[in-house]
Protein backbone atom coordinates (compact mmCIF):
# COMPACT_ATOMS: atom_id res chain seq x y z
CA UNK A 1 27.15 -5.25 -6.81
CA UNK A 2 27.24 -8.68 -5.49
CA UNK A 3 24.47 -10.99 -6.58
CA UNK A 4 21.73 -11.32 -3.82
CA UNK A 5 19.90 -14.57 -2.93
CA UNK A 6 16.46 -15.00 -1.31
CA UNK A 7 15.60 -18.12 1.07
CA UNK A 8 13.67 -20.68 -0.65
CA UNK A 9 10.67 -19.84 1.22
CA UNK A 10 10.63 -16.32 0.59
CA UNK A 11 11.07 -17.19 -3.30
CA UNK A 12 8.20 -20.11 -2.61
CA UNK A 13 5.93 -17.61 -1.20
CA UNK A 14 6.12 -15.21 -3.72
CA UNK A 15 5.53 -18.04 -6.41
CA UNK A 16 2.86 -19.51 -4.98
CA UNK A 17 0.87 -15.84 -4.36
CA UNK A 18 1.22 -15.04 -8.04
CA UNK A 19 -0.35 -18.27 -8.67
CA UNK A 20 -3.48 -17.95 -6.36
CA UNK A 21 -5.35 -15.72 -8.69
CA UNK A 22 -9.11 -15.84 -8.28
CA UNK A 23 -10.65 -18.75 -10.02
CA UNK A 24 -7.34 -20.55 -10.56
CA UNK A 25 -7.31 -22.22 -7.52
CA UNK A 26 -3.87 -22.60 -5.50
CA UNK A 27 -1.29 -25.44 -6.40
CA UNK A 28 -0.17 -27.78 -3.77
CA UNK A 29 1.54 -26.11 -0.78
CA UNK A 30 3.82 -26.99 2.24
CA UNK A 31 1.85 -28.51 4.84
CA UNK A 32 0.32 -26.34 7.26
CA UNK A 33 0.61 -23.31 5.06
CA UNK A 34 -2.54 -21.00 5.10
CA UNK A 35 -4.20 -20.18 1.94
CA UNK A 36 -3.70 -16.75 0.80
CA UNK A 37 -6.71 -14.35 1.77
CA UNK A 38 -8.77 -14.02 -1.30
CA UNK A 39 -7.98 -17.23 -2.79
CA UNK A 40 -10.95 -18.23 -4.90
CA UNK A 41 -12.73 -14.77 -5.30
CA UNK A 42 -14.36 -14.51 -8.67
CA UNK A 43 -12.13 -12.14 -10.95
CA UNK A 44 -13.92 -10.49 -13.89
CA UNK A 45 -11.35 -8.44 -15.85
CA UNK A 46 -12.34 -5.24 -17.42
CA UNK A 47 -10.73 -2.72 -19.84
CA UNK A 48 -13.42 0.09 -18.89
CA UNK A 49 -15.17 0.56 -22.08
CA UNK A 50 -12.11 1.85 -24.06
CA UNK A 51 -10.61 3.76 -21.13
CA UNK A 52 -7.63 1.85 -20.57
CA UNK A 53 -7.75 1.43 -16.91
CA UNK A 54 -6.86 -2.47 -17.16
CA UNK A 55 -9.25 -3.06 -14.30
CA UNK A 56 -9.58 -6.63 -12.42
CA UNK A 57 -12.31 -6.61 -10.24
CA UNK A 58 -12.45 -9.03 -7.38
CA UNK A 59 -15.90 -10.18 -5.84
CA UNK A 60 -17.58 -12.74 -3.91
CA UNK A 61 -20.82 -11.63 -5.06
CA UNK A 62 -22.59 -9.75 -7.76
CA UNK A 63 -21.41 -6.56 -9.52
CA UNK A 64 -23.55 -4.50 -11.62
CA UNK A 65 -20.35 -3.21 -13.54
CA UNK A 66 -19.26 -0.15 -15.57
CA UNK A 67 -22.26 1.84 -15.46
CA UNK A 68 -22.19 1.56 -11.79
CA UNK A 69 -18.39 2.57 -11.39
CA UNK A 70 -18.99 5.66 -13.36
CA UNK A 71 -22.01 6.71 -11.37
CA UNK A 72 -19.73 5.89 -8.55
CA UNK A 73 -16.72 8.09 -9.46
CA UNK A 74 -19.10 10.90 -10.47
CA UNK A 75 -21.09 11.02 -7.13
CA UNK A 76 -17.49 10.90 -5.25
CA UNK A 77 -16.37 13.85 -7.04
CA UNK A 78 -19.25 15.93 -5.93
CA UNK A 79 -19.45 14.30 -2.35
CA UNK A 80 -17.29 14.89 0.92
CA UNK A 81 -13.77 13.55 0.33
CA UNK A 82 -13.06 10.28 2.25
CA UNK A 83 -9.88 9.60 4.07
CA UNK A 84 -7.36 6.89 2.10
CA UNK A 85 -5.30 4.53 3.87
CA UNK A 86 -2.19 3.31 1.84
CA UNK A 87 -0.51 0.17 2.75
CA UNK A 88 3.00 0.15 1.43
CA UNK A 89 4.38 -3.44 2.19
CA UNK A 90 8.47 -4.25 2.28
CA UNK A 91 8.69 -7.90 1.10
CA UNK A 92 11.01 -10.24 2.70
CA UNK A 93 11.14 -8.98 6.14
CA UNK A 94 13.27 -5.72 6.34
CA UNK A 95 16.03 -5.50 8.72
CA UNK A 96 14.87 -2.83 11.47
CA UNK A 97 18.13 -2.91 12.92
CA UNK A 98 19.88 -1.26 9.82
CA UNK A 99 16.85 1.16 9.34
CA UNK A 100 17.23 2.36 12.68
CA UNK A 101 20.60 1.37 13.76
CA UNK A 102 20.91 0.86 17.43
CA UNK A 103 24.68 2.28 17.69
CA UNK A 104 24.60 3.35 21.13
CA UNK A 105 23.67 -0.12 22.40
CA UNK A 106 26.99 -1.51 23.54
CA UNK A 107 26.30 -5.14 22.05
CA UNK A 108 25.30 -3.75 18.75
CA UNK A 109 29.08 -3.87 17.20
CA UNK A 110 29.89 -7.34 18.87
CA UNK A 111 26.67 -8.76 17.27
CA UNK A 112 27.36 -7.03 13.80
CA UNK A 113 31.28 -6.67 13.49
CA UNK A 114 30.52 -6.37 9.62
CA UNK A 115 27.10 -5.11 9.12
CA UNK A 116 27.33 -2.39 11.95
CA UNK A 117 26.81 1.31 10.41
CA UNK A 118 30.01 3.29 10.51
CA UNK A 119 30.66 5.99 12.71
CA UNK A 120 28.56 8.96 11.83
CA UNK A 121 26.69 7.44 9.03
CA UNK A 122 23.14 8.26 8.78
CA UNK A 123 21.50 10.93 10.79
CA UNK A 124 20.52 11.07 14.69
CA UNK A 125 17.17 9.40 15.74
CA UNK A 126 15.77 12.45 17.72
CA UNK A 127 13.31 10.18 20.20
CA UNK A 128 16.21 7.70 21.28
CA UNK A 129 19.55 8.63 21.49
CA UNK A 130 20.73 5.07 20.85
CA UNK A 131 19.03 4.93 17.36
CA UNK A 132 20.56 6.32 14.32
CA UNK A 133 18.84 6.59 10.63
CA UNK A 134 20.44 4.30 7.68
CA UNK A 135 21.87 6.76 5.35
CA UNK A 136 19.56 5.40 2.47
CA UNK A 137 16.70 5.91 4.83
CA UNK A 138 17.09 10.04 4.38
CA UNK A 139 13.78 10.41 2.89
CA UNK A 140 12.12 9.20 5.75
CA UNK A 141 14.27 10.80 8.14
CA UNK A 142 13.57 14.18 6.65
CA UNK A 143 10.00 13.48 7.21
CA UNK A 144 10.53 12.55 10.57
CA UNK A 145 12.16 15.80 11.48
CA UNK A 146 9.09 17.46 10.04
CA UNK A 147 6.65 15.93 12.64
CA UNK A 148 5.28 13.60 9.80
CA UNK A 149 6.63 10.20 10.69
CA UNK A 150 5.36 7.78 13.49
CA UNK A 151 7.99 5.04 14.17
CA UNK A 152 7.47 1.71 15.31
CA UNK A 153 10.82 0.34 16.30
CA UNK A 154 9.81 -3.42 17.49
CA UNK A 155 6.53 -4.01 15.93
CA UNK A 156 5.12 -7.69 16.09
CA UNK A 157 3.17 -10.10 17.72
CA UNK A 158 3.89 -12.67 20.93
CA UNK A 159 5.32 -16.43 19.90
CA UNK A 160 6.40 -14.88 16.29
CA UNK A 161 6.33 -17.48 13.29
CA UNK A 162 9.54 -16.80 10.81
CA UNK A 163 7.83 -18.38 7.84
CA UNK A 164 7.40 -15.90 5.38
CA UNK A 165 4.12 -17.38 4.30
CA UNK A 166 2.72 -17.74 7.65
CA UNK A 167 3.80 -14.34 9.10
CA UNK A 168 2.90 -12.44 6.27
CA UNK A 169 -0.61 -13.97 6.47
CA UNK A 170 -1.30 -12.97 9.68
CA UNK A 171 -0.54 -9.37 8.97
CA UNK A 172 -2.67 -9.61 5.85
CA UNK A 173 -5.93 -10.88 7.84
CA UNK A 174 -5.23 -8.86 10.73
CA UNK A 175 -5.07 -12.04 12.97
CA UNK A 176 -2.86 -14.85 14.24
CA UNK A 177 -5.25 -17.06 12.21
CA UNK A 178 -3.98 -19.22 9.66
CA UNK A 179 -7.45 -20.16 8.43
CA UNK A 180 -8.49 -16.50 7.67
CA UNK A 181 -9.54 -15.90 4.32
CA UNK A 182 -10.43 -12.14 4.41
CA UNK A 183 -7.91 -9.45 4.67
CA UNK A 184 -8.46 -6.66 7.38
CA UNK A 185 -8.80 -3.95 5.04
CA UNK A 186 -11.45 -6.10 2.98
CA UNK A 187 -13.31 -6.66 6.16
CA UNK A 188 -13.55 -2.97 6.95
CA UNK A 189 -14.54 -2.16 3.08
CA UNK A 190 -17.10 -4.87 3.74
CA UNK A 191 -18.64 -2.58 6.73
CA UNK A 192 -18.27 0.75 5.06
CA UNK A 193 -18.05 0.17 1.30
CA UNK A 194 -20.72 -0.07 -1.50
CA UNK A 195 -21.32 -2.86 -4.08
CA UNK A 196 -20.86 -0.72 -7.08
CA UNK A 197 -17.32 0.74 -6.36
CA UNK A 198 -14.41 -1.74 -6.86
CA UNK A 199 -11.96 1.51 -6.64
CA UNK A 200 -12.69 1.35 -2.98
CA UNK A 201 -9.89 -1.12 -2.53
CA UNK A 202 -7.25 -0.89 -4.67
CA UNK A 203 -4.15 -3.02 -5.31
CA UNK A 204 -1.76 -1.14 -7.32
CA UNK A 205 0.53 -4.20 -8.16
CA UNK A 206 -1.75 -5.64 -10.94
CA UNK A 207 -2.95 -8.81 -8.66
CA UNK A 208 -4.97 -8.71 -5.51
CA UNK A 209 -3.34 -7.74 -2.54
CA UNK A 210 -4.64 -10.39 0.47
CA UNK A 211 -5.10 -7.52 2.92
CA UNK A 212 -7.82 -6.09 0.63
CA UNK A 213 -9.85 -9.47 -0.05
CA UNK A 214 -13.30 -8.95 0.89
CA UNK A 215 -16.31 -10.95 1.36
CA UNK A 216 -19.29 -8.70 0.12
CA UNK A 217 -18.10 -5.83 -1.74
CA UNK A 218 -15.79 -5.61 -4.85
CA UNK A 219 -12.03 -4.52 -5.02
CA UNK A 220 -9.88 -4.23 -7.92
CA UNK A 221 -6.21 -4.45 -9.16
CA UNK A 222 -4.44 -2.75 -11.63
CA UNK A 223 -1.05 -2.44 -12.96
CA UNK A 224 -1.20 1.52 -13.50
CA UNK A 225 -3.68 4.04 -14.73
CA UNK A 226 -3.95 4.68 -18.55
CA UNK A 227 -6.47 6.72 -20.21
CA UNK A 228 -10.16 7.32 -20.31
CA UNK A 229 -11.98 8.14 -23.42
CA UNK A 230 -15.18 7.16 -26.02
CA UNK A 231 -14.96 6.59 -29.48
CA UNK A 232 -17.08 6.98 -32.63
CA UNK A 233 -16.21 4.84 -35.69
CA UNK A 234 -14.58 6.87 -38.11
CA UNK A 235 -14.04 9.95 -35.85
CA UNK A 236 -10.66 10.83 -34.16
CA UNK A 237 -8.42 13.76 -33.44
CA UNK A 238 -9.68 17.56 -32.57
CA UNK A 239 -13.05 16.50 -34.28
CA UNK A 240 -13.36 13.77 -31.70
CA UNK A 241 -12.59 16.08 -28.82
CA UNK A 242 -15.26 18.72 -29.88
CA UNK A 243 -17.76 15.92 -30.44
CA UNK A 244 -17.54 14.60 -26.64
CA UNK A 245 -17.34 18.01 -25.37
CA UNK A 246 -20.53 18.91 -26.94
CA UNK A 247 -22.26 15.79 -26.06
CA UNK A 248 -21.55 17.24 -22.39
CA UNK A 249 -22.87 20.57 -23.22
CA UNK A 250 -26.24 19.10 -24.81
CA UNK A 251 -26.30 16.72 -21.55
CA UNK A 252 -26.28 19.78 -19.46
CA UNK A 253 -29.17 21.02 -21.14
CA UNK A 254 -31.60 18.16 -21.18
CA UNK A 255 -30.57 17.35 -17.50
CA UNK A 256 -33.37 19.56 -16.15
CA UNK A 257 -35.79 18.39 -18.42
CA UNK A 258 -39.02 17.99 -17.65
CA UNK A 259 -39.44 14.78 -20.03
CA UNK A 260 -38.07 11.96 -17.59
CA UNK A 261 -36.43 9.91 -20.82
CA UNK A 262 -34.52 13.36 -21.77
CA UNK A 263 -33.60 14.11 -18.31
CA UNK A 264 -31.92 10.56 -17.74
CA UNK A 265 -30.29 10.59 -20.86
CA UNK A 266 -28.89 14.26 -20.25
CA UNK A 267 -27.69 13.42 -16.68
CA UNK A 268 -25.81 10.34 -18.11
CA UNK A 269 -23.98 12.33 -20.44
CA UNK A 270 -23.06 15.18 -17.96
CA UNK A 271 -21.63 12.22 -15.50
CA UNK A 272 -19.88 10.52 -18.37
CA UNK A 273 -18.29 13.83 -19.90
CA UNK A 274 -17.18 14.49 -15.94
CA UNK A 275 -15.85 11.17 -15.81
CA UNK A 276 -13.92 11.97 -19.07
CA UNK A 277 -12.39 15.16 -18.09
CA UNK A 278 -11.30 13.82 -14.69
CA UNK A 279 -9.40 10.83 -16.29
CA UNK A 280 -8.09 12.62 -19.36
CA UNK A 281 -4.60 12.84 -17.40
CA UNK A 282 -4.12 9.59 -17.82
CA UNK A 283 -4.57 9.09 -21.40
CA UNK A 284 -0.90 8.35 -22.49
CA UNK A 285 0.68 10.92 -25.28
CA UNK A 286 3.14 8.69 -26.35
CA UNK A 287 5.25 5.53 -25.44
CA UNK A 288 2.53 5.01 -22.64
CA UNK A 289 3.97 7.83 -20.90
CA UNK A 290 1.05 9.81 -18.84
CA UNK A 291 -0.06 12.96 -20.03
CA UNK A 292 -0.61 14.42 -16.59
CA UNK A 293 2.37 16.54 -14.65
CA UNK A 294 3.18 15.97 -11.40
CA UNK A 295 4.38 18.84 -8.95
CA UNK A 296 7.12 17.29 -8.08
CA UNK A 297 9.93 14.89 -9.36
CA UNK A 298 10.09 11.38 -8.49
CA UNK A 299 12.87 9.11 -8.36
CA UNK A 300 13.44 7.32 -11.69
CA UNK A 301 14.01 3.16 -11.86
CA UNK A 302 14.18 1.15 -14.63
CA UNK A 303 14.03 -1.83 -12.28
CA UNK A 304 10.86 -1.07 -10.06
CA UNK A 305 7.21 0.59 -10.87
CA UNK A 306 7.14 1.67 -7.01
CA UNK A 307 7.83 5.45 -7.71
CA UNK A 308 5.93 5.77 -11.03
CA UNK A 309 2.82 4.24 -9.46
CA UNK A 310 3.00 6.64 -6.49
CA UNK A 311 2.88 9.26 -9.08
CA UNK A 312 0.00 7.85 -10.39
CA UNK A 313 -1.92 7.37 -7.40
CA UNK A 314 -1.38 11.13 -6.32
CA UNK A 315 -3.00 11.97 -10.03
CA UNK A 316 -5.72 9.50 -9.09
CA UNK A 317 -6.65 11.01 -5.79
CA UNK A 318 -6.67 14.55 -7.26
CA UNK A 319 -9.00 13.29 -9.90
CA UNK A 320 -11.25 12.36 -7.35
CA UNK A 321 -11.72 8.71 -7.93
CA UNK A 322 -13.48 7.17 -4.97
CA UNK A 323 -10.38 5.30 -3.11
CA UNK A 324 -10.35 4.18 0.50
CA UNK A 325 -7.64 1.68 0.65
CA UNK A 326 -4.92 1.25 -1.69
CA UNK A 327 -2.05 -1.53 -1.43
CA UNK A 328 1.46 -1.08 -2.94
CA UNK A 329 4.35 -3.01 -2.53
CA UNK A 330 7.65 -1.18 -1.92
CA UNK A 331 10.78 -1.30 -3.96
CA UNK A 332 13.34 -4.00 -3.15
CA UNK A 333 13.58 -7.01 -1.50
CA UNK A 334 14.16 -7.53 2.03
CA UNK A 335 15.10 -11.38 2.55
CA UNK A 336 18.71 -10.36 2.93
CA UNK A 337 20.52 -13.56 3.83
CA UNK A 338 23.74 -12.51 2.34
CA UNK A 339 25.00 -9.27 0.80
CA UNK A 340 22.87 -7.14 2.84
CA UNK A 341 24.40 -3.86 2.73
CA UNK A 342 24.00 -3.70 -0.78
CA UNK A 343 20.91 -5.15 -1.29
CA UNK A 344 19.26 -3.22 1.51
CA UNK A 345 20.65 -0.05 0.96
CA UNK A 346 19.17 0.17 -2.80
CA UNK A 347 15.59 -0.87 -2.04
CA UNK A 348 15.37 1.55 0.98
CA UNK A 349 16.86 4.50 -0.82
CA UNK A 350 14.28 4.11 -3.97
CA UNK A 351 11.38 3.37 -1.49
CA UNK A 352 11.86 6.00 0.96
CA UNK A 353 12.89 8.74 -1.69
CA UNK A 354 9.67 7.92 -3.51
CA UNK A 355 7.66 8.09 -0.59
CA UNK A 356 9.01 11.79 0.10
CA UNK A 357 8.25 12.71 -3.32
CA UNK A 358 4.66 11.06 -2.79
CA UNK A 359 4.24 13.32 0.32
CA UNK A 360 5.43 16.39 -1.29
CA UNK A 361 3.51 15.53 -3.96
CA UNK A 362 0.13 15.49 -1.88
CA UNK A 363 1.07 18.45 0.00
CA UNK A 364 1.30 20.53 -3.45
CA UNK A 365 -2.21 19.56 -4.44
CA UNK A 366 -3.46 20.15 -1.24
CA UNK A 367 -4.42 16.44 -0.53
CA UNK A 368 -2.06 15.69 2.30
CA UNK A 369 -4.54 15.55 4.90
CA UNK A 370 -6.62 13.02 3.35
CA UNK A 371 -3.76 10.47 2.85
CA UNK A 372 -2.05 8.19 5.79
CA UNK A 373 0.64 5.73 4.66
CA UNK A 374 1.12 2.63 6.77
CA UNK A 375 4.39 0.89 6.04
CA UNK A 376 5.13 -2.73 7.32
CA UNK A 377 7.06 -5.90 6.51
CA UNK A 378 6.10 -9.68 7.74
CA UNK A 379 8.93 -9.85 10.18
CA UNK A 380 12.61 -8.05 11.32
CA UNK A 381 15.81 -9.79 11.12
CA UNK A 382 18.05 -11.69 13.77
CA UNK A 383 20.20 -9.68 15.71
CA UNK A 384 23.43 -11.26 14.96
CA UNK A 385 25.01 -11.14 11.51
CA UNK A 386 25.48 -14.53 9.66
CA UNK A 387 28.38 -15.76 8.02
CA UNK A 388 27.30 -14.63 4.77
CA UNK A 389 27.24 -10.86 5.42
CA UNK A 390 23.56 -10.99 5.88
CA UNK A 391 20.91 -11.33 8.68
CA UNK A 392 18.46 -14.18 9.02
CA UNK A 393 14.61 -14.52 9.87
CA UNK A 394 13.75 -12.46 13.00
CA UNK A 395 10.83 -11.57 15.11
CA UNK A 396 10.01 -7.97 15.83
CA UNK A 397 10.57 -5.74 13.21
CA UNK A 398 10.23 -1.85 12.08
CA UNK A 399 7.03 -0.10 11.03
CA UNK A 400 6.16 3.50 9.96
CA UNK A 401 3.17 5.59 9.78
CA UNK A 402 3.59 8.73 7.55
CA UNK A 403 1.58 11.60 6.77
CA UNK A 404 0.67 15.19 7.74
CA UNK A 405 -1.98 13.40 10.17
CA UNK A 406 0.47 11.26 11.73
CA UNK A 407 1.09 11.43 15.55
CA UNK A 408 4.99 11.85 14.71
CA UNK A 409 6.05 10.14 18.05
CA UNK A 410 7.77 6.87 18.59
CA UNK A 411 5.14 3.96 19.60
CA UNK A 412 6.70 1.18 21.77
CA UNK A 413 10.49 1.77 22.79
CA UNK A 414 13.40 0.05 21.20
CA UNK A 415 13.82 -3.05 23.66
CA UNK A 416 17.77 -2.92 23.29
CA UNK A 417 19.97 -5.87 22.83
CA UNK A 418 20.21 -6.95 26.24
CA UNK A 419 16.97 -8.53 26.59
CA UNK A 420 16.83 -10.64 23.10
CA UNK A 421 14.84 -13.72 23.29
CA UNK A 422 15.92 -17.11 23.23
CA UNK A 423 16.63 -17.45 19.48
CA UNK A 424 18.66 -14.05 19.58
CA UNK A 425 15.83 -12.07 18.25
CA UNK A 426 14.23 -8.47 19.07
CA UNK A 427 10.91 -8.45 21.46
CA UNK A 428 8.27 -6.69 20.11
CA UNK A 429 7.33 -3.88 22.36
CA UNK A 430 4.13 -3.13 19.89
CA UNK A 431 1.41 -5.31 18.42
CA UNK A 432 0.47 -4.96 14.79
CA UNK A 433 -3.36 -5.63 15.86
CA UNK A 434 -3.16 -2.74 18.06
CA UNK A 435 -1.68 -0.62 14.88
CA UNK A 436 -4.55 -1.84 12.60
CA UNK A 437 -6.87 -1.10 15.53
CA UNK A 438 -5.62 2.47 15.92
CA UNK A 439 -5.78 3.03 12.22
CA UNK A 440 -9.43 1.79 11.92
CA UNK A 441 -10.60 3.87 14.79
CA UNK A 442 -8.29 6.89 15.08
CA UNK A 443 -8.21 7.30 10.79
CA UNK A 444 -10.91 5.42 9.64
CA UNK A 445 -13.62 6.16 12.38
CA UNK A 446 -14.50 2.58 12.47
CA UNK A 447 -15.15 0.61 15.68
CA UNK A 448 -12.04 -2.15 15.38
CA UNK A 449 -13.86 -4.63 17.41
CA UNK A 450 -16.16 -5.23 14.13
CA UNK A 451 -12.89 -5.97 12.05
CA UNK A 452 -10.07 -7.21 13.90
CA UNK A 453 -10.77 -10.34 15.93
CA UNK A 454 -9.98 -9.90 19.87
CA UNK A 455 -9.22 -6.11 19.15
CA UNK A 456 -10.40 -5.56 22.98
CA UNK A 457 -7.38 -7.61 23.76
CA UNK A 458 -4.79 -5.30 22.30
CA UNK A 459 -3.75 -1.65 23.15
CA UNK A 460 -4.07 1.02 20.54
CA UNK A 461 -1.40 3.20 20.11
CA UNK A 462 -1.82 6.78 19.50
CA UNK A 463 -1.35 7.23 15.67
CA UNK A 464 -3.09 10.10 14.34
CA UNK A 465 -3.50 13.58 15.46
């Protein structure tokens, strides 16, 4: 495979966002570039009392810590199951005209004589005879055929900014506002979240996702779940397991005691034992491999943690962890200025095959109606290929909403290649702020006007059934 190079702006964006960790400030950046949402939030790192969860809690206020988290998990296990929104980011600006190729548009092969899909490649897109799924997107095409994918073939915003840094920032804060410091999901959590549950907003990439940056409630970042356990000096193995199980049993006896002190101590022991049992599947048995078994097989990759993190997430949801919004970066990098064909195909295949496995995992566990997946990228690519077998930064891109509760219908038509903007880009037929507003109102049961600035000005598409 030929080496693939990103533009300087994409590499700089990734470098700066990695440096924008809480409490560390941000290095000097290009004039006019916005600060990532959440920059400067206080970060407190915890190895949850030997749990191995490797949790980094980001908060603008005070958080009471581990005891409150344990109580929150125990309460969530006995309370109603909340809907979960999973945000999956395709970094670099994915080429929507390859994911859904307009093979039936007469200008397609003129604009892309070398990058165009071959005759008969991929599968037909049932909602628009002009479009055809890329062969590497077969996993998503299969879910679409089952009515579980809502497709946005040209999503974006008016007067598009083609800077990785700025356009991504707009998507993260949910507004065309370079000064925004909180993420759109973070503002939602500020409305409905609690001060003692950092797992309500979880970034599974090991660093804070700006879209989750909040102003009042804590959110968290982990690289992946591990184990939860309690220890006693000099006690391990089967004896330790018996001791811990006995602690739960003893606690249950005293939880109903008439003595206030015994009642509190007994309840605490019961909650701790319940949490230990819930998270036991995350204890690695060897070589950091989780002890839990997924009901489906996920793709294997030595280059990306994406499929494993999805498998972990499904197990975390099944364990009853109090999740509401989760952010995850997809496999692959999509700033394909050169040698696009190979680079795009490998990333798309691993990403969409992994999402198919995740959906099947949720279905097998009876959890599919609780989770909705939003797949997005900061912009699309130019309609005309460049001289390096790639495509340059464009405007409207492709997006998806995936799940058994997704409406399963196309939102906004594909605009065609005969009405490109003056720079040769696709024009948006749906607005990303309308997508967010619809997700908030139709999935998360929250007034979008309280979260998205000027939400009343954007049309809400039908995304959820």
